[in-house]
Amino acid sequence: MQQVTGKGVRFDEKRLKVAMVAAGIRTDRELAEKSGIDERTIRNAKKLGTCSWDAWAKMALAIGCNPIDLLVTPGYPDPNWDTLAALSI
């Protein structure tokens, strides 16, 4: 099982994309402008699934969701997958 540590967090790229669409944010650049973090940081976070706690919180705040909404616990089913699937593009 993967662990969330003080050095970074694990979040799901698909959940981030769905939350961005739901918030009307279409691009990484737009999210970067709204969150105040570098666009490169967002791309790396999506690719690697990790980022600093600060960047994670800023992305969630810009999107208007709870940071926990962007996490997935490996090995456990996602209770909101049906809802996320319905919202996805």
PDB file of N, CA and C in Angstrom:
ATOM      1  N   MET A   1       0.838  -1.177   0.000  1.00  0.00           N
ATOM      2  CA  MET A   1       0.000   0.000   0.000  1.00  0.00           C
ATOM      3  C   MET A   1       0.888   1.246   0.000  1.00  0.00           C
ATOM      4  N   GLN A   2       0.507   2.254  -0.779  1.00  0.00           N
ATOM      5  CA  GLN A   2       1.270   3.489  -0.824  1.00  0.00           C
ATOM      6  C   GLN A   2       0.905   4.350   0.380  1.00  0.00           C
ATOM      7  N   GLN A   3       1.854   5.094   0.838  1.00  0.00           N
ATOM      8  CA  GLN A   3       1.649   5.923   2.022  1.00  0.00           C
ATOM      9  C   GLN A   3       1.671   7.398   1.653  1.00  0.00           C
ATOM     10  N   VAL A   4       0.850   8.186   2.340  1.00  0.00           N
ATOM     11  CA  VAL A   4       0.904   9.635   2.223  1.00  0.00           C
ATOM     12  C   VAL A   4       1.926  10.100   3.248  1.00  0.00           C
ATOM     13  N   THR A   5       2.894  10.869   2.811  1.00  0.00           N
ATOM     14  CA  THR A   5       3.942  11.325   3.724  1.00  0.00           C
ATOM     15  C   THR A   5       3.985  12.840   3.754  1.00  0.00           C
ATOM     16  N   GLY A   6       4.745  13.373   4.663  1.00  0.00           N
ATOM     17  CA  GLY A   6       4.905  14.812   4.771  1.00  0.00           C
ATOM     18  C   GLY A   6       5.603  15.418   3.568  1.00  0.00           C
ATOM     19  N   LYS A   7       6.319  14.624   2.803  1.00  0.00           N
ATOM     20  CA  LYS A   7       7.059  15.127   1.647  1.00  0.00           C
ATOM     21  C   LYS A   7       6.179  15.255   0.410  1.00  0.00           C
ATOM     22  N   GLY A   8       5.053  14.619   0.373  1.00  0.00           N
ATOM     23  CA  GLY A   8       4.189  14.680  -0.795  1.00  0.00           C
ATOM     24  C   GLY A   8       2.915  13.921  -0.551  1.00  0.00           C
ATOM     25  N   VAL A   9       2.017  13.972  -1.506  1.00  0.00           N
ATOM     26  CA  VAL A   9       0.744  13.276  -1.392  1.00  0.00           C
ATOM     27  C   VAL A   9       0.495  12.488  -2.666  1.00  0.00           C
ATOM     28  N   ARG A  10      -0.365  11.510  -2.567  1.00  0.00           N
ATOM     29  CA  ARG A  10      -0.761  10.745  -3.734  1.00  0.00           C
ATOM     30  C   ARG A  10      -2.190  11.115  -4.059  1.00  0.00           C
ATOM     31  N   PHE A  11      -2.410  11.582  -5.250  1.00  0.00           N
ATOM     32  CA  PHE A  11      -3.769  11.851  -5.675  1.00  0.00           C
ATOM     33  C   PHE A  11      -3.958  11.311  -7.077  1.00  0.00           C
ATOM     34  N   ASP A  12      -5.206  11.190  -7.468  1.00  0.00           N
ATOM     35  CA  ASP A  12      -5.546  10.556  -8.723  1.00  0.00           C
ATOM     36  C   ASP A  12      -5.724  11.593  -9.832  1.00  0.00           C
ATOM     37  N   GLU A  13      -5.019  11.422 -10.923  1.00  0.00           N
ATOM     38  CA  GLU A  13      -5.103  12.349 -12.043  1.00  0.00           C
ATOM     39  C   GLU A  13      -6.520  12.431 -12.606  1.00  0.00           C
ATOM     40  N   LYS A  14      -7.213  11.295 -12.677  1.00  0.00           N
ATOM     41  CA  LYS A  14      -8.580  11.297 -13.201  1.00  0.00           C
ATOM     42  C   LYS A  14      -9.512  12.120 -12.322  1.00  0.00           C
ATOM     43  N   ARG A  15      -9.370  11.981 -11.003  1.00  0.00           N
ATOM     44  CA  ARG A  15     -10.199  12.765 -10.082  1.00  0.00           C
ATOM     45  C   ARG A  15      -9.896  14.254 -10.241  1.00  0.00           C
ATOM     46  N   LEU A  16      -8.629  14.593 -10.417  1.00  0.00           N
ATOM     47  CA  LEU A  16      -8.256  15.989 -10.612  1.00  0.00           C
ATOM     48  C   LEU A  16      -8.887  16.523 -11.892  1.00  0.00           C
ATOM     49  N   LYS A  17      -8.812  15.764 -12.979  1.00  0.00           N
ATOM     50  CA  LYS A  17      -9.395  16.198 -14.253  1.00  0.00           C
ATOM     51  C   LYS A  17     -10.900  16.395 -14.141  1.00  0.00           C
ATOM     52  N   VAL A  18     -11.592  15.456 -13.494  1.00  0.00           N
ATOM     53  CA  VAL A  18     -13.046  15.563 -13.329  1.00  0.00           C
ATOM     54  C   VAL A  18     -13.393  16.788 -12.487  1.00  0.00           C
ATOM     55  N   ALA A  19     -12.653  17.006 -11.411  1.00  0.00           N
ATOM     56  CA  ALA A  19     -12.909  18.162 -10.547  1.00  0.00           C
ATOM     57  C   ALA A  19     -12.650  19.466 -11.308  1.00  0.00           C
ATOM     58  N   MET A  20     -11.626  19.480 -12.157  1.00  0.00           N
ATOM     59  CA  MET A  20     -11.347  20.667 -12.961  1.00  0.00           C
ATOM     60  C   MET A  20     -12.503  20.952 -13.911  1.00  0.00           C
ATOM     61  N   VAL A  21     -12.997  19.921 -14.592  1.00  0.00           N
ATOM     62  CA  VAL A  21     -14.118  20.095 -15.518  1.00  0.00           C
ATOM     63  C   VAL A  21     -15.347  20.603 -14.773  1.00  0.00           C
ATOM     64  N   ALA A  22     -15.628  20.000 -13.616  1.00  0.00           N
ATOM     65  CA  ALA A  22     -16.784  20.412 -12.822  1.00  0.00           C
ATOM     66  C   ALA A  22     -16.662  21.869 -12.373  1.00  0.00           C
ATOM     67  N   ALA A  23     -15.435  22.343 -12.183  1.00  0.00           N
ATOM     68  CA  ALA A  23     -15.204  23.726 -11.751  1.00  0.00           C
ATOM     69  C   ALA A  23     -15.093  24.692 -12.927  1.00  0.00           C
ATOM     70  N   GLY A  24     -15.178  24.172 -14.150  1.00  0.00           N
ATOM     71  CA  GLY A  24     -15.068  25.024 -15.326  1.00  0.00           C
ATOM     72  C   GLY A  24     -13.641  25.403 -15.665  1.00  0.00           C
ATOM     73  N   ILE A  25     -12.689  24.637 -15.156  1.00  0.00           N
ATOM     74  CA  ILE A  25     -11.268  24.873 -15.438  1.00  0.00           C
ATOM     75  C   ILE A  25     -10.842  23.872 -16.504  1.00  0.00           C
ATOM     76  N   ARG A  26     -10.457  24.388 -17.671  1.00  0.00           N
ATOM     77  CA  ARG A  26     -10.198  23.504 -18.800  1.00  0.00           C
ATOM     78  C   ARG A  26      -8.741  23.126 -19.011  1.00  0.00           C
ATOM     79  N   THR A  27      -7.821  23.945 -18.516  1.00  0.00           N
ATOM     80  CA  THR A  27      -6.412  23.683 -18.801  1.00  0.00           C
ATOM     81  C   THR A  27      -5.558  23.770 -17.531  1.00  0.00           C
ATOM     82  N   ASP A  28      -4.378  23.178 -17.627  1.00  0.00           N
ATOM     83  CA  ASP A  28      -3.422  23.276 -16.521  1.00  0.00           C
ATOM     84  C   ASP A  28      -3.013  24.732 -16.303  1.00  0.00           C
ATOM     85  N   ARG A  29      -2.908  25.485 -17.376  1.00  0.00           N
ATOM     86  CA  ARG A  29      -2.542  26.903 -17.270  1.00  0.00           C
ATOM     87  C   ARG A  29      -3.592  27.671 -16.471  1.00  0.00           C
ATOM     88  N   GLU A  30      -4.859  27.394 -16.757  1.00  0.00           N
ATOM     89  CA  GLU A  30      -5.945  28.046 -16.032  1.00  0.00           C
ATOM     90  C   GLU A  30      -5.902  27.677 -14.538  1.00  0.00           C
ATOM     91  N   LEU A  31      -5.653  26.396 -14.249  1.00  0.00           N
ATOM     92  CA  LEU A  31      -5.541  25.968 -12.856  1.00  0.00           C
ATOM     93  C   LEU A  31      -4.345  26.643 -12.190  1.00  0.00           C
ATOM     94  N   ALA A  32      -3.248  26.772 -12.913  1.00  0.00           N
ATOM     95  CA  ALA A  32      -2.059  27.428 -12.364  1.00  0.00           C
ATOM     96  C   ALA A  32      -2.368  28.882 -12.011  1.00  0.00           C
ATOM     97  N   GLU A  33      -3.067  29.567 -12.887  1.00  0.00           N
ATOM     98  CA  GLU A  33      -3.413  30.967 -12.626  1.00  0.00           C
ATOM     99  C   GLU A  33      -4.336  31.094 -11.411  1.00  0.00           C
ATOM    100  N   LYS A  34      -5.317  30.212 -11.306  1.00  0.00           N
ATOM    101  CA  LYS A  34      -6.275  30.281 -10.197  1.00  0.00           C
ATOM    102  C   LYS A  34      -5.676  29.839  -8.867  1.00  0.00           C
ATOM    103  N   SER A  35      -4.709  28.931  -8.923  1.00  0.00           N
ATOM    104  CA  SER A  35      -4.144  28.389  -7.690  1.00  0.00           C
ATOM    105  C   SER A  35      -2.880  29.116  -7.231  1.00  0.00           C
ATOM    106  N   GLY A  36      -2.234  29.809  -8.158  1.00  0.00           N
ATOM    107  CA  GLY A  36      -1.002  30.502  -7.809  1.00  0.00           C
ATOM    108  C   GLY A  36       0.220  29.595  -7.757  1.00  0.00           C
ATOM    109  N   ILE A  37       0.110  28.422  -8.365  1.00  0.00           N
ATOM    110  CA  ILE A  37       1.276  27.536  -8.428  1.00  0.00           C
ATOM    111  C   ILE A  37       1.718  27.392  -9.886  1.00  0.00           C
ATOM    112  N   ASP A  38       2.931  26.994 -10.080  1.00  0.00           N
ATOM    113  CA  ASP A  38       3.508  26.889 -11.411  1.00  0.00           C
ATOM    114  C   ASP A  38       2.820  25.804 -12.224  1.00  0.00           C
ATOM    115  N   GLU A  39       2.622  26.066 -13.501  1.00  0.00           N
ATOM    116  CA  GLU A  39       1.996  25.092 -14.403  1.00  0.00           C
ATOM    117  C   GLU A  39       2.819  23.798 -14.475  1.00  0.00           C
ATOM    118  N   ARG A  40       4.130  23.924 -14.404  1.00  0.00           N
ATOM    119  CA  ARG A  40       5.005  22.746 -14.403  1.00  0.00           C
ATOM    120  C   ARG A  40       4.721  21.848 -13.204  1.00  0.00           C
ATOM    121  N   THR A  41       4.467  22.470 -12.056  1.00  0.00           N
ATOM    122  CA  THR A  41       4.150  21.713 -10.842  1.00  0.00           C
ATOM    123  C   THR A  41       2.875  20.904 -11.043  1.00  0.00           C
ATOM    124  N   ILE A  42       1.888  21.494 -11.688  1.00  0.00           N
ATOM    125  CA  ILE A  42       0.628  20.791 -11.947  1.00  0.00           C
ATOM    126  C   ILE A  42       0.854  19.619 -12.897  1.00  0.00           C
ATOM    127  N   ARG A  43       1.595  19.852 -13.967  1.00  0.00           N
ATOM    128  CA  ARG A  43       1.872  18.761 -14.915  1.00  0.00           C
ATOM    129  C   ARG A  43       2.625  17.619 -14.239  1.00  0.00           C
ATOM    130  N   ASN A  44       3.627  17.967 -13.436  1.00  0.00           N
ATOM    131  CA  ASN A  44       4.393  16.934 -12.733  1.00  0.00           C
ATOM    132  C   ASN A  44       3.518  16.193 -11.723  1.00  0.00           C
ATOM    133  N   ALA A  45       2.674  16.923 -11.028  1.00  0.00           N
ATOM    134  CA  ALA A  45       1.788  16.287 -10.047  1.00  0.00           C
ATOM    135  C   ALA A  45       0.842  15.312 -10.730  1.00  0.00           C
ATOM    136  N   LYS A  46       0.302  15.692 -11.879  1.00  0.00           N
ATOM    137  CA  LYS A  46      -0.598  14.803 -12.613  1.00  0.00           C
ATOM    138  C   LYS A  46       0.149  13.570 -13.106  1.00  0.00           C
ATOM    139  N   LYS A  47       1.357  13.767 -13.574  1.00  0.00           N
ATOM    140  CA  LYS A  47       2.149  12.664 -14.108  1.00  0.00           C
ATOM    141  C   LYS A  47       2.604  11.713 -13.001  1.00  0.00           C
ATOM    142  N   LEU A  48       3.098  12.280 -11.897  1.00  0.00           N
ATOM    143  CA  LEU A  48       3.685  11.475 -10.831  1.00  0.00           C
ATOM    144  C   LEU A  48       2.703  11.098  -9.720  1.00  0.00           C
ATOM    145  N   GLY A  49       1.610  11.865  -9.592  1.00  0.00           N
ATOM    146  CA  GLY A  49       0.654  11.606  -8.512  1.00  0.00           C
ATOM    147  C   GLY A  49       1.112  12.129  -7.169  1.00  0.00           C
ATOM    148  N   THR A  50       2.133  12.974  -7.171  1.00  0.00           N
ATOM    149  CA  THR A  50       2.636  13.538  -5.921  1.00  0.00           C
ATOM    150  C   THR A  50       2.912  15.027  -6.093  1.00  0.00           C
ATOM    151  N   CYS A  51       2.826  15.720  -4.973  1.00  0.00           N
ATOM    152  CA  CYS A  51       3.190  17.124  -4.924  1.00  0.00           C
ATOM    153  C   CYS A  51       3.298  17.510  -3.454  1.00  0.00           C
ATOM    154  N   SER A  52       3.674  18.734  -3.207  1.00  0.00           N
ATOM    155  CA  SER A  52       3.761  19.184  -1.818  1.00  0.00           C
ATOM    156  C   SER A  52       2.351  19.356  -1.245  1.00  0.00           C
ATOM    157  N   TRP A  53       2.271  19.343   0.069  1.00  0.00           N
ATOM    158  CA  TRP A  53       0.973  19.574   0.727  1.00  0.00           C
ATOM    159  C   TRP A  53       0.426  20.931   0.323  1.00  0.00           C
ATOM    160  N   ASP A  54       1.299  21.931   0.238  1.00  0.00           N
ATOM    161  CA  ASP A  54       0.880  23.287  -0.096  1.00  0.00           C
ATOM    162  C   ASP A  54       0.264  23.343  -1.499  1.00  0.00           C
ATOM    163  N   ALA A  55       0.934  22.751  -2.479  1.00  0.00           N
ATOM    164  CA  ALA A  55       0.425  22.756  -3.852  1.00  0.00           C
ATOM    165  C   ALA A  55      -0.896  22.000  -3.936  1.00  0.00           C
ATOM    166  N   TRP A  56      -1.000  20.879  -3.255  1.00  0.00           N
ATOM    167  CA  TRP A  56      -2.221  20.070  -3.245  1.00  0.00           C
ATOM    168  C   TRP A  56      -3.387  20.878  -2.698  1.00  0.00           C
ATOM    169  N   ALA A  57      -3.162  21.564  -1.576  1.00  0.00           N
ATOM    170  CA  ALA A  57      -4.220  22.367  -0.960  1.00  0.00           C
ATOM    171  C   ALA A  57      -4.616  23.535  -1.860  1.00  0.00           C
ATOM    172  N   LYS A  58      -3.636  24.175  -2.503  1.00  0.00           N
ATOM    173  CA  LYS A  58      -3.937  25.295  -3.388  1.00  0.00           C
ATOM    174  C   LYS A  58      -4.734  24.851  -4.612  1.00  0.00           C
ATOM    175  N   MET A  59      -4.405  23.683  -5.163  1.00  0.00           N
ATOM    176  CA  MET A  59      -5.173  23.171  -6.299  1.00  0.00           C
ATOM    177  C   MET A  59      -6.612  22.904  -5.888  1.00  0.00           C
ATOM    178  N   ALA A  60      -6.795  22.244  -4.754  1.00  0.00           N
ATOM    179  CA  ALA A  60      -8.143  21.934  -4.279  1.00  0.00           C
ATOM    180  C   ALA A  60      -8.935  23.209  -4.016  1.00  0.00           C
ATOM    181  N   LEU A  61      -8.313  24.191  -3.413  1.00  0.00           N
ATOM    182  CA  LEU A  61      -8.989  25.456  -3.131  1.00  0.00           C
ATOM    183  C   LEU A  61      -9.410  26.140  -4.432  1.00  0.00           C
ATOM    184  N   ALA A  62      -8.526  26.161  -5.427  1.00  0.00           N
ATOM    185  CA  ALA A  62      -8.834  26.784  -6.713  1.00  0.00           C
ATOM    186  C   ALA A  62      -9.978  26.062  -7.422  1.00  0.00           C
ATOM    187  N   ILE A  63     -10.037  24.750  -7.255  1.00  0.00           N
ATOM    188  CA  ILE A  63     -11.077  23.947  -7.889  1.00  0.00           C
ATOM    189  C   ILE A  63     -12.389  24.048  -7.109  1.00  0.00           C
ATOM    190  N   GLY A  64     -12.272  24.319  -5.812  1.00  0.00           N
ATOM    191  CA  GLY A  64     -13.464  24.416  -4.976  1.00  0.00           C
ATOM    192  C   GLY A  64     -13.889  23.081  -4.405  1.00  0.00           C
ATOM    193  N   CYS A  65     -12.910  22.214  -4.147  1.00  0.00           N
ATOM    194  CA  CYS A  65     -13.237  20.913  -3.569  1.00  0.00           C
ATOM    195  C   CYS A  65     -12.394  20.677  -2.321  1.00  0.00           C
ATOM    196  N   ASN A  66     -12.748  19.662  -1.593  1.00  0.00           N
ATOM    197  CA  ASN A  66     -11.979  19.243  -0.432  1.00  0.00           C
ATOM    198  C   ASN A  66     -10.737  18.515  -0.950  1.00  0.00           C
ATOM    199  N   PRO A  67      -9.554  18.790  -0.420  1.00  0.00           N
ATOM    200  CA  PRO A  67      -8.362  18.082  -0.895  1.00  0.00           C
ATOM    201  C   PRO A  67      -8.503  16.563  -0.834  1.00  0.00           C
ATOM    202  N   ILE A  68      -9.260  16.073   0.129  1.00  0.00           N
ATOM    203  CA  ILE A  68      -9.470  14.632   0.260  1.00  0.00           C
ATOM    204  C   ILE A  68     -10.178  14.066  -0.976  1.00  0.00           C
ATOM    205  N   ASP A  69     -10.986  14.890  -1.646  1.00  0.00           N
ATOM    206  CA  ASP A  69     -11.708  14.444  -2.838  1.00  0.00           C
ATOM    207  C   ASP A  69     -10.771  14.055  -3.972  1.00  0.00           C
ATOM    208  N   LEU A  70      -9.526  14.484  -3.908  1.00  0.00           N
ATOM    209  CA  LEU A  70      -8.569  14.184  -4.973  1.00  0.00           C
ATOM    210  C   LEU A  70      -7.738  12.941  -4.692  1.00  0.00           C
ATOM    211  N   LEU A  71      -7.948  12.331  -3.528  1.00  0.00           N
ATOM    212  CA  LEU A  71      -7.170  11.156  -3.142  1.00  0.00           C
ATOM    213  C   LEU A  71      -7.874   9.854  -3.479  1.00  0.00           C
ATOM    214  N   VAL A  72      -7.083   8.859  -3.735  1.00  0.00           N
ATOM    215  CA  VAL A  72      -7.566   7.493  -3.906  1.00  0.00           C
ATOM    216  C   VAL A  72      -6.702   6.607  -3.026  1.00  0.00           C
ATOM    217  N   THR A  73      -7.318   5.699  -2.312  1.00  0.00           N
ATOM    218  CA  THR A  73      -6.583   4.778  -1.461  1.00  0.00           C
ATOM    219  C   THR A  73      -6.337   3.500  -2.248  1.00  0.00           C
ATOM    220  N   PRO A  74      -5.098   3.203  -2.591  1.00  0.00           N
ATOM    221  CA  PRO A  74      -4.797   1.994  -3.357  1.00  0.00           C
ATOM    222  C   PRO A  74      -5.297   0.750  -2.632  1.00  0.00           C
ATOM    223  N   GLY A  75      -5.938  -0.131  -3.399  1.00  0.00           N
ATOM    224  CA  GLY A  75      -6.414  -1.381  -2.836  1.00  0.00           C
ATOM    225  C   GLY A  75      -7.841  -1.333  -2.333  1.00  0.00           C
ATOM    226  N   TYR A  76      -8.455  -0.144  -2.313  1.00  0.00           N
ATOM    227  CA  TYR A  76      -9.831  -0.003  -1.860  1.00  0.00           C
ATOM    228  C   TYR A  76     -10.673   0.579  -2.984  1.00  0.00           C
ATOM    229  N   PRO A  77     -11.923   0.131  -3.108  1.00  0.00           N
ATOM    230  CA  PRO A  77     -12.775   0.685  -4.166  1.00  0.00           C
ATOM    231  C   PRO A  77     -13.106   2.150  -3.871  1.00  0.00           C
ATOM    232  N   ASP A  78     -13.266   2.912  -4.904  1.00  0.00           N
ATOM    233  CA  ASP A  78     -13.620   4.314  -4.767  1.00  0.00           C
ATOM    234  C   ASP A  78     -15.140   4.410  -4.632  1.00  0.00           C
ATOM    235  N   PRO A  79     -15.656   4.871  -3.506  1.00  0.00           N
ATOM    236  CA  PRO A  79     -17.104   4.909  -3.300  1.00  0.00           C
ATOM    237  C   PRO A  79     -17.819   5.885  -4.215  1.00  0.00           C
ATOM    238  N   ASN A  80     -17.099   6.825  -4.789  1.00  0.00           N
ATOM    239  CA  ASN A  80     -17.711   7.828  -5.654  1.00  0.00           C
ATOM    240  C   ASN A  80     -17.446   7.583  -7.132  1.00  0.00           C
ATOM    241  N   TRP A  81     -16.969   6.410  -7.499  1.00  0.00           N
ATOM    242  CA  TRP A  81     -16.568   6.193  -8.901  1.00  0.00           C
ATOM    243  C   TRP A  81     -17.716   6.375  -9.868  1.00  0.00           C
ATOM    244  N   ASP A  82     -18.940   5.922  -9.528  1.00  0.00           N
ATOM    245  CA  ASP A  82     -20.083   6.085 -10.427  1.00  0.00           C
ATOM    246  C   ASP A  82     -20.359   7.557 -10.698  1.00  0.00           C
ATOM    247  N   THR A  83     -20.296   8.369  -9.672  1.00  0.00           N
ATOM    248  CA  THR A  83     -20.523   9.800  -9.830  1.00  0.00           C
ATOM    249  C   THR A  83     -19.433  10.428 -10.675  1.00  0.00           C
ATOM    250  N   LEU A  84     -18.188  10.073 -10.406  1.00  0.00           N
ATOM    251  CA  LEU A  84     -17.073  10.600 -11.180  1.00  0.00           C
ATOM    252  C   LEU A  84     -17.170  10.183 -12.641  1.00  0.00           C
ATOM    253  N   ALA A  85     -17.559   8.944 -12.883  1.00  0.00           N
ATOM    254  CA  ALA A  85     -17.676   8.451 -14.253  1.00  0.00           C
ATOM    255  C   ALA A  85     -18.755   9.215 -15.015  1.00  0.00           C
ATOM    256  N   ALA A  86     -19.837   9.553 -14.349  1.00  0.00           N
ATOM    257  CA  ALA A  86     -20.916  10.284 -14.980  1.00  0.00           C
ATOM    258  C   ALA A  86     -20.491  11.711 -15.344  1.00  0.00           C
ATOM    259  N   LEU A  87     -19.584  12.281 -14.558  1.00  0.00           N
ATOM    260  CA  LEU A  87     -19.116  13.643 -14.818  1.00  0.00           C
ATOM    261  C   LEU A  87     -17.980  13.703 -15.810  1.00  0.00           C
ATOM    262  N   SER A  88     -17.303  12.580 -16.013  1.00  0.00           N
ATOM    263  CA  SER A  88     -16.086  12.608 -16.838  1.00  0.00           C
ATOM    264  C   SER A  88     -16.385  12.872 -18.288  1.00  0.00           C
ATOM    265  N   ILE A  89     -15.343  13.310 -18.944  1.00  0.00           N
ATOM    266  CA  ILE A  89     -15.470  13.663 -20.358  1.00  0.00           C
ATOM    267  C   ILE A  89     -15.076  12.519 -21.245  1.00  0.00           C
TER     268      ILE A  89
END
